Amino acid sequence: MKKFFCKLFGHTWVHRSDNPKIAWHTSKKMSELEMNTSASDSSFWLECQRCSLRNDHPTRKDLRDVI
């Protein structure tokens, strides 16, 4: 039934990541926040919210269509 809605209305793409562990720390001057990630080999992809179709290599057009 989920794929029926994707065929009818189109996919609802959302951003996903396998390692979303981000830590925020203050700078030495205590005036700005700095982002630190726990791993450098994070991967990002688009996934349909309804049918869980995964797009590992989205194009610029795919990214522009995601709101």
Foldseek 3Di string as FASTA:
>chain_A
DLVVVCVVPNFQKDKDKPFPDWDWDADPVSPDIDIDGPDDPIAMWIAGPRPRDTGRDDDPVRVVPHD
